[in-house]
Protein backbone atom coordinates (compact mmCIF):
# COMPACT_ATOMS: atom_id res chain seq x y z
CA MET A 1 0.06 -0.10 -0.02
CA PRO A 2 1.24 3.50 -0.73
CA SER A 3 3.05 5.26 2.14
CA ARG A 4 1.22 8.17 3.96
CA LYS A 5 3.66 10.46 2.31
CA ALA A 6 2.80 9.15 -1.05
CA THR A 7 -0.81 9.56 -0.84
CA LYS A 8 -0.72 13.10 0.66
CA PRO A 9 -2.66 14.90 -1.84
CA ARG A 10 -0.40 17.96 -2.38
CA TRP A 11 2.63 19.59 -0.62
CA ARG A 12 1.37 23.08 -1.85
CA THR A 13 -2.27 24.11 -2.23
CA PRO A 14 -2.51 26.45 -5.44
CA ARG A 15 -3.71 29.95 -4.54
CA GLN A 16 -2.81 31.91 -7.77
CA ALA A 17 -4.46 31.46 -11.06
CA ARG A 18 -1.22 30.32 -12.70
CA SER A 19 -0.84 27.64 -9.88
CA GLN A 20 -4.36 26.42 -10.24
CA GLU A 21 -3.69 26.02 -14.14
CA THR A 22 -0.67 23.92 -13.42
CA VAL A 23 -2.63 21.64 -11.01
CA GLU A 24 -5.33 21.36 -13.72
CA CYS A 25 -2.70 20.48 -16.39
CA LEU A 26 -1.11 17.86 -14.23
CA LEU A 27 -4.46 16.20 -13.37
CA THR A 28 -5.30 16.15 -16.97
CA ALA A 29 -2.16 14.67 -17.98
CA ALA A 30 -2.16 12.09 -15.16
CA ALA A 31 -5.78 10.95 -16.15
CA HIS A 32 -4.57 10.44 -19.84
CA VAL A 33 -1.14 8.80 -18.72
CA PHE A 34 -2.94 6.30 -16.07
CA ALA A 35 -5.60 5.48 -18.65
CA HIS A 36 -3.18 4.52 -21.37
CA ARG A 37 -0.20 3.02 -19.43
CA GLY A 38 -1.96 1.62 -16.47
CA TYR A 39 -0.96 2.26 -12.87
CA ALA A 40 2.32 0.15 -12.58
CA ASN A 41 3.62 1.40 -15.93
CA THR A 42 3.00 5.19 -14.92
CA THR A 43 5.68 7.31 -13.43
CA THR A 44 5.80 10.91 -12.49
CA ASN A 45 8.19 11.59 -15.25
CA HIS A 46 5.54 10.23 -17.71
CA ILE A 47 2.99 12.62 -16.32
CA ALA A 48 5.26 15.73 -16.15
CA ALA A 49 6.37 15.05 -19.93
CA ARG A 50 2.52 14.83 -20.87
CA ALA A 51 1.76 18.07 -19.05
CA GLY A 52 4.85 19.80 -20.55
CA VAL A 53 6.16 20.87 -17.19
CA SER A 54 9.32 19.95 -15.17
CA ILE A 55 9.45 17.06 -12.67
CA GLY A 56 10.31 19.73 -10.17
CA SER A 57 7.25 21.57 -10.87
CA LEU A 58 5.00 18.42 -10.51
CA TYR A 59 6.63 17.80 -7.04
CA GLN A 60 5.73 21.25 -5.76
CA TYR A 61 2.04 20.00 -5.82
CA PHE A 62 2.13 16.35 -5.83
CA PRO A 63 4.57 14.35 -4.05
CA SER A 64 3.94 11.05 -6.08
CA LYS A 65 1.98 9.31 -8.76
CA ASP A 66 -0.20 8.12 -5.90
CA ALA A 67 -1.07 11.54 -4.63
CA LEU A 68 -2.01 12.49 -8.38
CA LEU A 69 -4.24 9.40 -8.63
CA LEU A 70 -5.83 10.04 -5.32
CA ALA A 71 -6.74 13.63 -6.51
CA LEU A 72 -8.27 12.19 -9.55
CA ALA A 73 -10.13 9.37 -7.69
CA GLU A 74 -11.49 11.91 -5.44
CA ARG A 75 -12.73 14.22 -8.26
CA HIS A 76 -14.09 11.19 -10.09
CA ILE A 77 -16.34 10.19 -7.36
CA GLU A 78 -17.49 13.58 -6.36
CA THR A 79 -18.30 14.58 -9.80
CA GLY A 80 -20.29 11.43 -10.41
CA PHE A 81 -22.30 11.71 -7.28
CA ALA A 82 -23.03 15.41 -7.85
CA ALA A 83 -24.48 14.74 -11.29
CA VAL A 84 -26.59 12.01 -10.21
CA MET A 85 -27.93 13.98 -7.28
CA GLU A 86 -28.71 16.71 -9.58
CA GLU A 87 -30.74 14.41 -11.72
CA VAL A 88 -32.67 13.12 -8.62
CA ARG A 89 -33.69 16.69 -7.90
CA ALA A 90 -34.81 17.33 -11.56
CA LYS A 91 -36.82 14.08 -11.91
CA GLN A 92 -38.15 13.30 -8.21
CA ALA A 93 -41.62 14.43 -9.29
CA SER A 94 -41.74 11.95 -12.35
CA SER A 95 -43.20 8.55 -12.71
CA VAL A 96 -41.40 5.65 -11.16
CA PRO A 97 -40.22 4.23 -14.54
CA GLU A 98 -38.99 7.60 -15.83
CA PHE A 99 -37.42 8.32 -12.65
CA LEU A 100 -35.51 5.05 -12.68
CA ARG A 101 -34.35 5.46 -16.34
CA ALA A 102 -33.19 8.92 -15.58
CA MET A 103 -30.97 7.42 -12.68
CA VAL A 104 -29.64 4.63 -14.90
CA ASN A 105 -28.79 7.27 -17.63
CA ALA A 106 -27.17 9.56 -14.99
CA LEU A 107 -24.91 6.87 -13.53
CA ILE A 108 -23.85 5.53 -16.94
CA ALA A 109 -23.05 8.84 -18.19
CA ALA A 110 -20.99 9.51 -15.23
CA HIS A 111 -19.09 6.25 -15.65
CA GLU A 112 -18.70 6.83 -19.45
CA ILE A 113 -16.49 9.66 -19.02
CA ASP A 114 -13.25 7.70 -18.52
CA PRO A 115 -14.00 3.93 -17.89
CA ARG A 116 -10.18 3.16 -18.40
CA LEU A 117 -9.29 5.56 -15.50
CA HIS A 118 -12.18 3.91 -13.37
CA GLN A 119 -10.56 0.62 -13.90
CA VAL A 120 -7.17 1.95 -12.76
CA ILE A 121 -8.63 3.61 -9.56
CA PHE A 122 -10.75 0.59 -8.49
CA GLU A 123 -8.77 -2.36 -9.77
CA GLU A 124 -4.97 -1.43 -10.24
CA ALA A 125 -4.46 0.91 -7.49
CA ARG A 126 -4.40 0.64 -3.81
CA LEU A 127 -5.75 3.79 -2.58
CA PRO A 128 -5.67 4.86 1.15
CA ASP A 129 -8.46 4.33 3.85
CA THR A 130 -9.53 8.00 3.51
CA PHE A 131 -10.71 7.35 0.02
CA ARG A 132 -12.74 4.26 0.97
CA HIS A 133 -14.15 6.17 3.88
CA ARG A 134 -15.37 8.89 1.39
CA LEU A 135 -16.90 6.18 -0.87
CA GLU A 136 -18.86 4.82 2.26
CA GLU A 137 -19.88 8.31 3.19
CA LEU A 138 -21.31 8.86 -0.35
CA GLU A 139 -23.06 5.53 -0.19
CA GLU A 140 -24.84 6.46 3.06
CA ARG A 141 -26.00 9.54 1.74
CA ALA A 142 -27.07 7.88 -1.61
CA ILE A 143 -29.10 5.29 0.67
CA GLN A 144 -30.71 8.07 2.64
CA VAL A 145 -31.97 9.93 -0.57
CA ALA A 146 -33.37 6.65 -1.99
CA ARG A 147 -35.11 5.83 1.32
CA ASP A 148 -36.74 9.27 1.49
CA LEU A 149 -38.02 8.92 -2.06
CA ILE A 150 -39.01 5.27 -1.44
CA GLU A 151 -40.94 6.40 1.76
CA SER A 152 -42.67 9.42 -0.19
CA ARG A 153 -44.27 6.79 -2.78
CA ILE A 154 -44.39 3.80 -0.69
CA ALA A 155 -48.26 3.50 -1.37
CA ASP A 156 -47.48 3.11 -4.89
CA LEU A 157 -44.80 0.56 -4.68
CA ALA A 158 -44.57 -3.12 -4.10
CA VAL A 159 -41.83 -2.83 -1.27
CA LYS A 160 -42.75 -2.76 2.46
CA ASN A 161 -39.53 -1.66 4.16
CA PRO A 162 -38.07 1.73 2.93
CA ASP A 163 -34.73 0.82 4.78
CA ILE A 164 -34.39 -2.43 3.13
CA ALA A 165 -35.49 -1.35 -0.26
CA SER A 166 -33.36 1.80 -0.38
CA PHE A 167 -30.14 -0.43 0.43
CA ILE A 168 -31.14 -2.90 -2.22
CA VAL A 169 -31.69 -0.08 -4.96
CA VAL A 170 -28.53 1.69 -4.13
CA GLN A 171 -26.46 -1.47 -4.30
CA VAL A 172 -27.93 -2.64 -7.54
CA LEU A 173 -27.48 0.77 -9.10
CA ASP A 174 -23.86 0.96 -7.93
CA GLY A 175 -22.66 -2.52 -8.23
CA LEU A 176 -24.24 -3.34 -11.64
CA THR A 177 -22.83 0.00 -13.15
CA HIS A 178 -19.57 -0.73 -11.69
CA ALA A 179 -19.29 -4.15 -12.77
CA MET A 180 -20.08 -3.15 -16.39
CA VAL A 181 -17.35 -0.49 -16.33
CA LEU A 182 -14.74 -2.89 -14.98
CA ARG A 183 -15.83 -6.00 -17.09
CA HIS A 184 -17.74 -4.92 -20.12
CA SER A 185 -17.31 -1.15 -20.60
CA ASP A 186 -18.26 -1.57 -24.33
CA MET A 187 -21.79 -2.62 -23.19
CA LEU A 188 -22.50 0.57 -21.28
CA HIS A 189 -23.31 2.36 -24.73
CA ALA A 190 -25.89 -0.44 -25.55
CA PRO A 191 -29.72 0.45 -25.28
CA GLU A 192 -30.33 -2.95 -24.49
CA PHE A 193 -28.34 -2.88 -21.25
CA ARG A 194 -29.96 0.35 -20.20
CA ASP A 195 -33.42 -1.11 -20.88
CA GLU A 196 -32.75 -4.42 -18.90
CA PHE A 197 -31.24 -2.32 -16.06
CA VAL A 198 -34.43 -0.37 -15.88
CA ARG A 199 -36.64 -3.33 -16.12
CA LEU A 200 -34.83 -5.09 -13.18
CA LEU A 201 -35.28 -2.18 -10.94
CA GLU A 202 -39.05 -1.70 -12.06
CA GLY A 203 -39.54 -5.14 -11.33
CA TYR A 204 -38.37 -5.03 -7.90
CA LEU A 205 -39.85 -1.73 -6.81
CA LEU A 206 -43.27 -2.17 -8.82
CA GLY A 207 -43.66 -5.84 -8.77
CA GLY A 208 -44.08 -6.00 -12.37
CA ARG A 209 -46.87 -3.46 -12.69
CA ASP A 210 -46.77 0.12 -14.15
CA SER A 211 -47.23 2.80 -11.61
CA GLU A 212 -48.87 5.16 -14.01
CA ALA A 213 -51.62 2.46 -14.83
CA ARG A 214 -52.22 1.60 -11.24
CA PRO A 215 -53.90 4.25 -9.01
CA ALA A 216 -52.17 4.84 -5.58
CA ARG A 217 -53.43 2.82 -2.68
CA SER A 218 -54.06 6.02 -0.74
CA THR A 219 -56.50 7.22 -3.54
CA VAL A 220 -58.26 3.97 -3.60
CA ALA A 221 -58.69 4.17 0.32
CA ARG A 222 -60.07 7.64 -0.02
CA ARG A 223 -62.59 6.42 -2.54
CA ALA A 224 -63.54 3.44 -0.49
CA ARG A 225 -64.43 5.83 2.72
């Protein structure tokens, strides 16, 4: 596992615009080199050369290639999570099938950006516990958001327990997308994959019935009174 020094994100935090540009240039170069050479075959010299800066300039901001990869990994998960949460806010009033399709599309879009880098981050490198802890925090937030959404529509769903259902949905969304990126990234572009993904989630949450064709239980109960 990389040493604590090796995974320290930066030695110097960029404050001036020029320094920020250098850091962005280094991160862009690192993403390209890691994706093309893999973790083991990448060196800081490769990254510096790709960025067009001296190795000394690289070490002003990142003490190692592990620190660069950690910065990329953190940006990768934070950006993807933010994109999905934005879609949640935009589609939360939609029908269940429409909402699920939006979630699947958002997750796939986030993973389509650089699937090879995703493979390096999650399969080839051994990032520190701080990264794993951040992943766990984001997962817990996703489960809570899913729980709130499921609870708000529980009368229209086939599931009974929002706590269990939210955990299952998040694990399926994350696990299946993650597995596709790592094993069959070419299939991420296939419409059939998205259709089957949505059908899987619909079958679990709706019990095979269309939410738009079925009146809410609360509405039926009110009519019966």
